[in-house]
Protein backbone atom coordinates (compact mmCIF):
# COMPACT_ATOMS: atom_id res chain seq x y z
CA MET A 1 19.34 -5.28 -7.30
CA ALA A 2 17.54 -8.07 -5.32
CA ILE A 3 17.66 -8.11 -1.52
CA THR A 4 19.11 -11.18 0.39
CA ARG A 5 18.03 -12.90 2.94
CA ASP A 6 21.19 -11.80 5.23
CA GLN A 7 20.04 -8.15 4.44
CA ILE A 8 16.73 -8.54 6.14
CA PHE A 9 18.14 -10.64 8.74
CA GLU A 10 20.57 -7.74 9.55
CA ALA A 11 18.09 -5.34 9.08
CA ALA A 12 15.95 -7.14 11.97
CA ASP A 13 18.77 -7.72 13.99
CA GLN A 14 19.55 -3.96 14.25
CA ILE A 15 15.64 -2.65 14.83
CA VAL A 16 15.78 -4.89 17.63
CA ALA A 17 19.34 -3.59 19.02
CA ASN A 18 18.55 0.04 19.04
CA GLY A 19 15.15 -0.85 20.92
CA GLY A 20 12.76 -0.90 17.99
CA ASN A 21 9.59 -3.46 16.58
CA ALA A 22 11.14 -5.21 13.73
CA THR A 23 7.79 -5.07 11.98
CA LEU A 24 7.55 -5.04 7.75
CA ALA A 25 7.21 -1.60 7.05
CA ALA A 26 10.13 -0.85 9.49
CA VAL A 27 12.63 -3.67 8.02
CA ARG A 28 11.75 -2.33 4.24
CA LYS A 29 12.06 0.88 5.19
CA ALA A 30 15.47 0.10 6.83
CA LEU A 31 16.62 -1.61 3.53
CA GLY A 32 15.27 1.44 1.77
CA GLY A 33 12.50 -0.63 -0.32
CA GLY A 34 12.18 -3.66 -1.70
CA SER A 35 9.41 -6.03 -2.38
CA TYR A 36 6.77 -7.23 0.46
CA THR A 37 6.60 -10.67 -0.51
CA THR A 38 10.56 -11.62 -0.19
CA ILE A 39 10.51 -9.13 3.23
CA SER A 40 7.98 -11.37 4.34
CA GLU A 41 9.54 -14.59 3.77
CA GLY A 42 12.91 -13.28 5.31
CA MET A 43 11.11 -12.00 8.49
CA ALA A 44 9.01 -15.51 9.16
CA GLU A 45 12.39 -17.38 8.83
CA TRP A 46 14.20 -14.93 10.93
CA LYS A 47 11.57 -15.31 13.63
CA ALA A 48 11.12 -18.74 13.84
CA LYS A 49 14.79 -18.79 14.59
CA ARG A 50 13.97 -16.48 17.34
CA GLN A 51 11.27 -18.01 19.14
CA ALA A 52 12.34 -21.62 18.98
CA VAL A 53 10.00 -23.48 21.45
CA THR A 54 12.12 -25.61 23.73
CA GLN A 55 9.92 -29.12 23.85
CA THR A 56 10.10 -31.77 26.58
CA VAL A 57 11.44 -35.61 25.81
CA SER A 58 9.36 -37.96 27.42
CA GLU A 59 11.33 -40.64 29.76
CA PRO A 60 10.22 -44.30 29.55
CA ALA A 61 8.83 -46.06 32.72
CA PRO A 62 11.54 -48.00 34.72
CA THR A 63 12.26 -51.48 33.81
CA ALA A 64 13.40 -53.00 36.55
CA ILE A 65 9.67 -54.04 38.26
CA GLN A 66 9.39 -57.44 40.51
CA ASP A 67 6.29 -57.20 42.47
CA ARG A 68 2.93 -55.48 42.95
CA MET A 69 4.30 -52.30 44.05
CA GLN A 70 6.82 -51.41 41.37
CA GLU A 71 3.74 -52.39 38.85
CA VAL A 72 1.86 -49.67 40.28
CA ALA A 73 4.81 -47.18 40.60
CA ARG A 74 4.79 -47.96 36.41
CA GLU A 75 1.15 -47.33 36.06
CA LEU A 76 1.28 -43.90 37.53
CA TRP A 77 4.61 -42.97 36.09
CA SER A 78 2.80 -44.22 32.59
CA ALA A 79 -0.40 -41.83 33.68
CA ALA A 80 1.59 -38.85 34.66
CA MET A 81 3.17 -38.89 31.25
CA GLU A 82 0.49 -39.27 29.49
CA VAL A 83 -1.25 -36.39 31.01
CA ALA A 84 1.94 -33.91 30.11
CA ASP A 85 2.24 -35.52 26.65
CA THR A 86 -1.39 -35.03 26.11
CA ARG A 87 -1.00 -31.82 26.59
CA LEU A 88 2.39 -31.11 25.19
CA ARG A 89 0.51 -32.79 22.12
CA SER A 90 -2.64 -30.17 22.21
CA GLU A 91 -0.23 -27.74 22.56
CA ARG A 92 1.67 -28.21 19.64
CA GLU A 93 -1.47 -28.77 17.29
CA ASN A 94 -2.37 -25.40 18.42
CA LEU A 95 0.80 -24.15 17.99
CA GLU A 96 0.77 -25.58 14.32
CA GLN A 97 -2.73 -23.96 13.65
CA VAL A 98 -1.72 -20.60 14.84
CA ARG A 99 1.62 -20.76 12.85
CA GLN A 100 -0.34 -21.87 9.52
CA ASP A 101 -2.69 -18.55 9.55
CA LEU A 102 -0.23 -16.58 10.49
CA GLU A 103 1.77 -17.55 7.60
CA ARG A 104 -1.48 -17.51 5.64
CA GLU A 105 -1.57 -13.87 6.81
CA ARG A 106 1.61 -13.14 6.35
CA ARG A 107 1.31 -14.28 2.39
CA GLU A 108 -1.88 -12.29 1.88
CA ALA A 109 -0.48 -9.04 3.49
CA ALA A 110 2.57 -9.29 1.29
CA ASP A 111 0.16 -9.91 -1.84
CA LEU A 112 -1.88 -6.86 -0.95
CA ALA A 113 1.33 -5.04 -0.02
CA ASP A 114 2.47 -5.55 -3.75
CA GLU A 115 -0.66 -5.02 -5.57
CA ILE A 116 -0.88 -1.47 -3.59
CA ALA A 117 2.50 -0.65 -4.50
CA GLY A 118 1.59 -1.47 -8.33
CA GLU A 119 -1.39 0.49 -8.18
CA LEU A 120 0.41 3.22 -6.56
CA ASP A 121 2.80 3.12 -9.25
CA ARG A 122 0.27 3.12 -11.92
CA ALA A 123 -1.09 6.01 -10.25
CA ARG A 124 1.45 7.99 -10.43
CA SER A 125 2.03 7.29 -14.55
CA VAL A 126 -1.64 8.32 -14.69
CA ILE A 127 -1.21 11.47 -12.91
CA ALA A 128 1.57 12.34 -15.28
CA GLU A 129 0.08 11.75 -18.11
CA HIS A 130 -2.34 14.38 -16.93
CA GLU A 131 0.54 16.65 -16.25
CA LYS A 132 1.65 15.88 -19.65
CA SER A 133 -1.58 17.14 -20.93
CA ALA A 134 -2.23 19.69 -19.07
CA LYS A 135 1.08 21.55 -20.26
CA LEU A 136 -0.29 20.40 -23.77
CA ALA A 137 -3.56 22.63 -23.11
CA ALA A 138 -1.64 25.37 -21.70
CA ALA A 139 0.12 25.60 -25.00
CA GLN A 140 -3.30 24.93 -26.98
CA ILE A 141 -4.62 27.74 -25.19
CA ASP A 142 -1.39 30.45 -25.57
CA ARG A 143 -1.61 29.55 -29.41
CA LEU A 144 -5.29 30.01 -29.56
CA THR A 145 -4.86 33.42 -27.41
CA GLY A 146 -2.52 34.44 -29.90
CA GLU A 147 -4.78 33.81 -32.61
CA LEU A 148 -7.33 35.88 -31.28
CA SER A 149 -5.33 38.22 -30.43
CA ASP A 150 -4.24 38.84 -34.60
CA ALA A 151 -8.09 38.35 -35.33
CA LEU A 152 -8.45 41.59 -32.89
CA GLU A 153 -5.97 43.57 -34.68
CA GLN A 154 -7.45 42.67 -38.09
CA SER A 155 -11.02 43.65 -37.15
CA ARG A 156 -9.29 47.02 -36.11
CA VAL A 157 -7.55 47.38 -39.17
CA ALA A 158 -10.84 46.46 -40.90
CA GLN A 159 -12.82 49.33 -38.75
CA ALA A 160 -10.25 51.63 -39.16
CA ALA A 161 -10.85 51.04 -43.03
CA LEU A 162 -14.48 51.10 -43.15
CA ASN A 163 -14.18 54.78 -41.23
CA GLU A 164 -11.97 55.91 -43.72
CA SER A 165 -13.98 54.76 -46.56
CA ARG A 166 -17.10 56.18 -44.81
CA ALA A 167 -15.07 59.47 -44.60
CA ARG A 168 -14.39 59.32 -48.39
CA ILE A 169 -17.75 58.94 -49.12
CA VAL A 170 -18.99 62.21 -47.23
CA ASP A 171 -16.08 64.14 -48.74
CA LEU A 172 -17.35 62.74 -52.41
CA MET A 173 -21.44 63.52 -51.47
CA GLY A 174 -20.37 67.15 -50.10
CA ALA A 175 -18.08 67.61 -53.95
CA LEU A 176 -20.89 66.51 -55.83
CA GLU A 177 -22.85 69.62 -54.58
CA HIS A 178 -20.56 71.74 -55.35
CA GLU A 179 -19.57 70.23 -58.88
CA LYS A 180 -22.83 69.41 -60.86
CA ALA A 181 -21.20 69.56 -63.94
CA ALA A 182 -18.94 66.19 -63.12
CA VAL A 183 -22.04 64.60 -61.94
CA ALA A 184 -21.28 61.53 -63.97
CA SER A 185 -17.48 61.55 -63.19
CA ALA A 186 -18.58 62.10 -59.29
CA GLU A 187 -21.12 58.97 -59.47
CA GLU A 188 -18.69 57.03 -61.02
CA ARG A 189 -16.07 57.80 -58.25
CA ALA A 190 -19.15 56.97 -55.81
CA ASN A 191 -19.90 53.65 -56.88
CA ARG A 192 -16.37 52.65 -56.44
CA PHE A 193 -16.12 54.12 -53.31
CA GLU A 194 -19.14 52.06 -52.41
CA GLN A 195 -17.62 49.10 -54.01
CA GLN A 196 -14.45 49.56 -51.35
CA GLU A 197 -17.24 49.93 -48.60
CA ARG A 198 -18.64 46.63 -49.13
CA GLU A 199 -15.33 45.00 -49.05
CA ALA A 200 -14.69 46.54 -46.16
CA ARG A 201 -17.64 45.41 -44.68
CA LYS A 202 -17.24 41.85 -45.85
CA ALA A 203 -13.25 42.32 -44.13
CA GLU A 204 -15.14 43.32 -40.97
CA GLN A 205 -17.59 40.17 -41.17
CA SER A 206 -14.59 37.83 -41.65
CA ALA A 207 -12.97 39.27 -38.85
CA ARG A 208 -15.79 39.26 -36.48
CA LEU A 209 -16.05 34.96 -37.59
CA ALA A 210 -12.45 34.71 -37.44
CA GLU A 211 -12.79 36.15 -33.70
CA GLN A 212 -16.16 33.77 -32.83
CA THR A 213 -14.10 30.96 -33.84
CA ALA A 214 -11.40 31.76 -31.77
CA GLN A 215 -13.48 32.60 -28.78
CA LEU A 216 -14.95 28.95 -29.22
CA ARG A 217 -11.61 27.34 -29.24
CA LEU A 218 -10.91 29.35 -26.38
CA GLU A 219 -13.85 28.03 -24.52
CA THR A 220 -13.28 24.61 -25.58
CA ALA A 221 -9.55 24.43 -24.27
CA GLU A 222 -10.77 25.69 -20.91
CA ARG A 223 -12.92 23.01 -20.36
CA ASP A 224 -10.65 20.51 -21.36
CA LEU A 225 -8.02 21.93 -18.74
CA SER A 226 -11.29 21.71 -16.25
CA SER A 227 -11.52 18.01 -17.21
CA CYS A 228 -8.07 17.08 -16.90
CA LYS A 229 -7.31 18.77 -13.73
CA GLU A 230 -10.73 17.12 -11.65
CA ARG A 231 -9.22 13.77 -13.46
CA GLU A 232 -5.77 14.28 -11.76
CA ARG A 233 -7.90 15.26 -8.25
CA LYS A 234 -9.80 11.73 -8.74
CA THR A 235 -6.27 9.93 -9.39
CA ALA A 236 -4.84 11.50 -6.06
CA LYS A 237 -7.66 10.60 -4.24
CA LYS A 238 -7.74 7.05 -5.16
CA ALA A 239 -3.49 6.67 -4.53
CA GLU A 240 -4.38 8.23 -1.11
CA ASP A 241 -7.22 5.72 -0.40
CA ALA A 242 -4.62 2.83 -1.44
CA VAL A 243 -2.26 4.30 1.18
CA ALA A 244 -4.40 4.44 3.78
CA LYS A 245 -5.81 0.53 3.11
CA LEU A 246 -2.38 -0.44 3.29
CA GLU A 247 -1.46 1.26 6.13
CA ARG A 248 -5.01 -0.63 7.48
CA ALA A 249 -3.76 -3.90 6.72
CA ALA A 250 0.06 -3.50 8.24
CA GLU A 251 -1.65 -2.45 11.43
CA GLN A 252 -4.09 -5.87 11.68
CA VAL A 253 -1.29 -8.02 11.02
CA GLN A 254 0.92 -6.29 13.32
CA LYS A 255 -1.91 -7.03 16.09
CA ARG A 256 -2.03 -10.65 15.09
CA LEU A 257 1.33 -11.27 15.60
CA ASP A 258 1.19 -9.56 19.27
CA THR A 259 -1.35 -11.80 20.38
CA THR A 260 -0.19 -14.72 19.23
CA ALA A 261 3.35 -13.95 20.90
CA ALA A 262 0.84 -13.61 23.95
CA GLU A 263 -0.86 -16.97 23.48
CA LEU A 264 2.92 -18.88 23.13
CA GLU A 265 3.82 -17.42 26.00
CA ALA A 266 0.86 -18.97 27.99
CA SER A 267 1.38 -22.24 26.00
CA ARG A 268 4.67 -22.48 27.59
CA ALA A 269 3.62 -21.46 31.06
CA GLU A 270 0.80 -24.73 30.92
CA THR A 271 3.28 -26.99 29.53
CA LYS A 272 5.78 -25.48 32.49
CA GLU A 273 2.90 -26.58 34.56
CA ALA A 274 2.62 -29.74 33.28
CA ILE A 275 5.95 -30.91 33.87
CA ARG A 276 6.16 -29.71 37.66
CA GLU A 277 2.81 -31.80 38.24
CA ALA A 278 4.96 -34.82 36.74
CA ALA A 279 7.29 -34.26 39.07
CA GLU A 280 4.93 -33.83 42.17
CA LEU A 281 3.66 -37.24 41.02
CA ARG A 282 7.27 -38.98 40.51
CA GLY A 283 7.55 -37.72 44.55
CA ARG A 284 4.21 -38.82 45.52
CA LEU A 285 5.34 -42.53 44.20
CA ALA A 286 8.11 -42.38 46.18
CA MET A 287 6.79 -41.64 49.41
CA PHE A 288 4.42 -44.25 48.74
CA GLU A 289 7.02 -46.59 48.38
CA ARG A 290 8.64 -45.33 51.12
CA ALA A 291 5.46 -46.19 53.68
CA ALA A 292 4.71 -49.32 52.03
CA GLY A 293 8.27 -51.13 54.12
CA PRO A 294 11.80 -52.16 52.39
CA ALA A 295 10.38 -55.09 50.85
CA ASP A 296 12.74 -55.14 48.22
CA SER A 297 16.10 -52.97 48.72
CA GLY A 298 16.47 -53.30 44.38
CA ALA A 299 12.89 -52.06 43.88
CA ASP A 300 13.70 -49.13 46.74
CA GLY A 301 17.05 -48.30 44.30
CA VAL A 302 14.96 -48.22 41.01
CA LEU A 303 12.98 -45.75 42.80
CA SER A 304 15.48 -44.00 43.95
CA ALA A 305 16.95 -43.36 40.57
CA ALA A 306 13.66 -42.06 39.67
CA ASP A 307 13.10 -39.65 42.06
CA THR A 308 16.47 -38.27 40.95
CA ALA A 309 16.42 -38.20 37.64
CA PRO A 310 16.60 -34.86 35.74
CA VAL A 311 13.67 -33.94 34.13
CA ASN A 312 14.35 -32.15 30.90
CA HIS A 313 12.58 -28.56 29.80
């Protein structure tokens, strides 16, 4: 199910209410998962609402100027407001550039997080495949071990048959010494037993060959298992490096956000200072008019109204 903007706002507000820092990682953890790109876009809107900058509205100069003193007052007023507006425009341009840089970095960090998450998923799939291959190799080793046991058993049976044949040959040779009259029959029986001995030797050779083949298969299976373990180790190392890369990227983004917040606070202080300087200029202008004398009561009324006009912050 896709994560909504309201869910992101609610999670961020809850983290701040609990005294925490509403980072991308903290919000994603509170939501139980989700795309870094979606969470990053929602967090940008949430921060924009919380960090709205109060803008100062410029006031027009008085219009009832009838003599030289009032003209001087208007020039001073315009100069003061121009200084304040120039500083304010500069700060706005700097803030807009910082906002654009942060937005670009936010998108890059979100794309990197999604890419690393995809690599982690692929790494998990590779590890699962290697585990499956390792299980198949283990099963093959068990099967080859069984075949080797069978071959050894056949070799023991062949060896027993060979020993029995040899024993029978020895008995026959002794009988030949005692039975000279049955030489022809004994020779025939001896030839038969010699044939059995040859067959037993052939069986022994076949058993040895089967044993060697089983041993080669066992060694091959062990090498395959070792190779699977090595690939699994490399895959796990790659996944750990990807996680470390993601954590470093998140730390860099957080540091940049902290630095931008400090710069924004300094910009607000400078804007307030410009407004204060404009107010001082208006006060000096009023003093200058009072020192010039009551040449025109209408002019005094206009300047007094300008002195008492509130300044929007």
